[in-house]
Amino acid sequence: MRKACWGEEKERATAMEEATELLQLLVNELKEKIFFGGETQLRMVDIVSNVIGLWLGAFEEGSGVQLVTRDKFSKSSS
């Protein structure tokens, strides 16, 4: 995500595509569950994904790059 937001111009497009694929992987794993481990099990991946979500907005705002859009990550597309 760092390269997608602040990397060299020529590597940004590739890094944005890669970051989008990895975020989509997380979305697909979560599906309709509350936690990655199920409905009641909070695990390390849940904590880490929340940290990513918290900082992602700040990265996007600071760099002017938008990685997460409704078009890419709508609930109907997963």
C-alpha atoms as a PDB file:
ATOM      1  CA  MET A   1       0.000   0.000   0.000  1.00  0.00           C
ATOM      2  CA  ARG A   2       2.907   2.304   0.667  1.00  0.00           C
ATOM      3  CA  LYS A   3       4.183   1.862  -2.897  1.00  0.00           C
ATOM      4  CA  ALA A   4       0.695   2.431  -4.293  1.00  0.00           C
ATOM      5  CA  CYS A   5       0.408   5.727  -2.435  1.00  0.00           C
ATOM      6  CA  TRP A   6       3.961   7.087  -2.433  1.00  0.00           C
ATOM      7  CA  GLY A   7       6.008   4.900  -4.776  1.00  0.00           C
ATOM      8  CA  GLU A   8       7.697   5.908  -7.993  1.00  0.00           C
ATOM      9  CA  GLU A   9       5.251   6.912 -10.716  1.00  0.00           C
ATOM     10  CA  LYS A  10       5.992   3.873 -12.900  1.00  0.00           C
ATOM     11  CA  GLU A  11       5.512   1.349 -10.072  1.00  0.00           C
ATOM     12  CA  ARG A  12       2.327   2.934  -8.661  1.00  0.00           C
ATOM     13  CA  ALA A  13      -0.069   1.326 -11.154  1.00  0.00           C
ATOM     14  CA  THR A  14       1.303  -2.150 -10.484  1.00  0.00           C
ATOM     15  CA  ALA A  15       1.311  -1.559  -6.726  1.00  0.00           C
ATOM     16  CA  MET A  16      -2.285  -0.261  -6.824  1.00  0.00           C
ATOM     17  CA  GLU A  17      -3.412  -3.356  -8.720  1.00  0.00           C
ATOM     18  CA  GLU A  18      -1.590  -5.634  -6.283  1.00  0.00           C
ATOM     19  CA  ALA A  19      -3.014  -3.838  -3.228  1.00  0.00           C
ATOM     20  CA  THR A  20      -6.523  -4.049  -4.697  1.00  0.00           C
ATOM     21  CA  GLU A  21      -6.137  -7.803  -5.267  1.00  0.00           C
ATOM     22  CA  LEU A  22      -4.935  -8.350  -1.690  1.00  0.00           C
ATOM     23  CA  LEU A  23      -7.748  -6.265  -0.203  1.00  0.00           C
ATOM     24  CA  GLN A  24     -10.260  -8.191  -2.335  1.00  0.00           C
ATOM     25  CA  LEU A  25      -8.824 -11.435  -0.941  1.00  0.00           C
ATOM     26  CA  LEU A  26      -9.608 -10.203   2.584  1.00  0.00           C
ATOM     27  CA  VAL A  27     -13.118  -9.151   1.550  1.00  0.00           C
ATOM     28  CA  ASN A  28     -13.777 -12.553  -0.055  1.00  0.00           C
ATOM     29  CA  GLU A  29     -12.615 -14.371   3.079  1.00  0.00           C
ATOM     30  CA  LEU A  30     -14.837 -12.303   5.337  1.00  0.00           C
ATOM     31  CA  LYS A  31     -18.000 -12.616   3.207  1.00  0.00           C
ATOM     32  CA  GLU A  32     -20.993 -12.209   5.550  1.00  0.00           C
ATOM     33  CA  LYS A  33     -19.149 -13.156   8.765  1.00  0.00           C
ATOM     34  CA  ILE A  34     -18.528 -10.685  11.565  1.00  0.00           C
ATOM     35  CA  PHE A  35     -15.012 -12.047  12.251  1.00  0.00           C
ATOM     36  CA  PHE A  36     -12.637 -14.036  10.024  1.00  0.00           C
ATOM     37  CA  GLY A  37     -12.794 -16.903  12.528  1.00  0.00           C
ATOM     38  CA  GLY A  38     -16.595 -17.026  12.472  1.00  0.00           C
ATOM     39  CA  GLU A  39     -19.303 -15.241  14.419  1.00  0.00           C
ATOM     40  CA  THR A  40     -17.711 -15.367  17.865  1.00  0.00           C
ATOM     41  CA  GLN A  41     -13.940 -15.834  17.470  1.00  0.00           C
ATOM     42  CA  LEU A  42     -11.799 -12.711  17.347  1.00  0.00           C
ATOM     43  CA  ARG A  43      -8.354 -13.599  16.015  1.00  0.00           C
ATOM     44  CA  MET A  44      -5.145 -11.797  15.092  1.00  0.00           C
ATOM     45  CA  VAL A  45      -6.239 -11.411  11.450  1.00  0.00           C
ATOM     46  CA  ASP A  46      -9.321  -9.473  12.631  1.00  0.00           C
ATOM     47  CA  ILE A  47      -7.142  -7.086  14.638  1.00  0.00           C
ATOM     48  CA  VAL A  48      -4.668  -6.602  11.776  1.00  0.00           C
ATOM     49  CA  SER A  49      -7.407  -6.026   9.199  1.00  0.00           C
ATOM     50  CA  ASN A  50      -8.943  -3.348  11.413  1.00  0.00           C
ATOM     51  CA  VAL A  51      -5.589  -1.602  11.689  1.00  0.00           C
ATOM     52  CA  ILE A  52      -5.252  -1.710   7.894  1.00  0.00           C
ATOM     53  CA  GLY A  53      -8.741  -0.266   7.517  1.00  0.00           C
ATOM     54  CA  LEU A  54      -8.016   2.477  10.027  1.00  0.00           C
ATOM     55  CA  TRP A  55      -4.799   3.633   8.365  1.00  0.00           C
ATOM     56  CA  LEU A  56      -5.860   3.077   4.761  1.00  0.00           C
ATOM     57  CA  GLY A  57      -8.116   6.138   4.797  1.00  0.00           C
ATOM     58  CA  ALA A  58      -5.277   8.253   6.170  1.00  0.00           C
ATOM     59  CA  PHE A  59      -2.894   6.932   3.495  1.00  0.00           C
ATOM     60  CA  GLU A  60      -5.406   7.705   0.759  1.00  0.00           C
ATOM     61  CA  GLU A  61      -6.050  11.204   2.057  1.00  0.00           C
ATOM     62  CA  GLY A  62      -2.370  11.994   2.540  1.00  0.00           C
ATOM     63  CA  SER A  63      -1.285  10.751  -0.876  1.00  0.00           C
ATOM     64  CA  GLY A  64      -4.329  11.694  -2.947  1.00  0.00           C
ATOM     65  CA  VAL A  65      -4.568   8.106  -4.244  1.00  0.00           C
ATOM     66  CA  GLN A  66      -7.851   6.246  -3.882  1.00  0.00           C
ATOM     67  CA  LEU A  67      -7.401   2.482  -3.484  1.00  0.00           C
ATOM     68  CA  VAL A  68     -10.802   1.548  -2.085  1.00  0.00           C
ATOM     69  CA  THR A  69     -13.891   2.578  -4.024  1.00  0.00           C
ATOM     70  CA  ARG A  70     -17.485   1.411  -3.928  1.00  0.00           C
ATOM     71  CA  ASP A  71     -17.081   0.118  -7.487  1.00  0.00           C
ATOM     72  CA  LYS A  72     -14.203  -2.176  -6.529  1.00  0.00           C
ATOM     73  CA  PHE A  73     -15.425  -3.297  -3.106  1.00  0.00           C
ATOM     74  CA  SER A  74     -19.216  -3.288  -3.106  1.00  0.00           C
ATOM     75  CA  LYS A  75     -20.921  -6.101  -1.198  1.00  0.00           C
ATOM     76  CA  SER A  76     -22.702  -7.234  -4.367  1.00  0.00           C
ATOM     77  CA  SER A  77     -19.422  -7.895  -6.220  1.00  0.00           C
ATOM     78  CA  SER A  78     -17.977 -10.257  -3.579  1.00  0.00           C
END
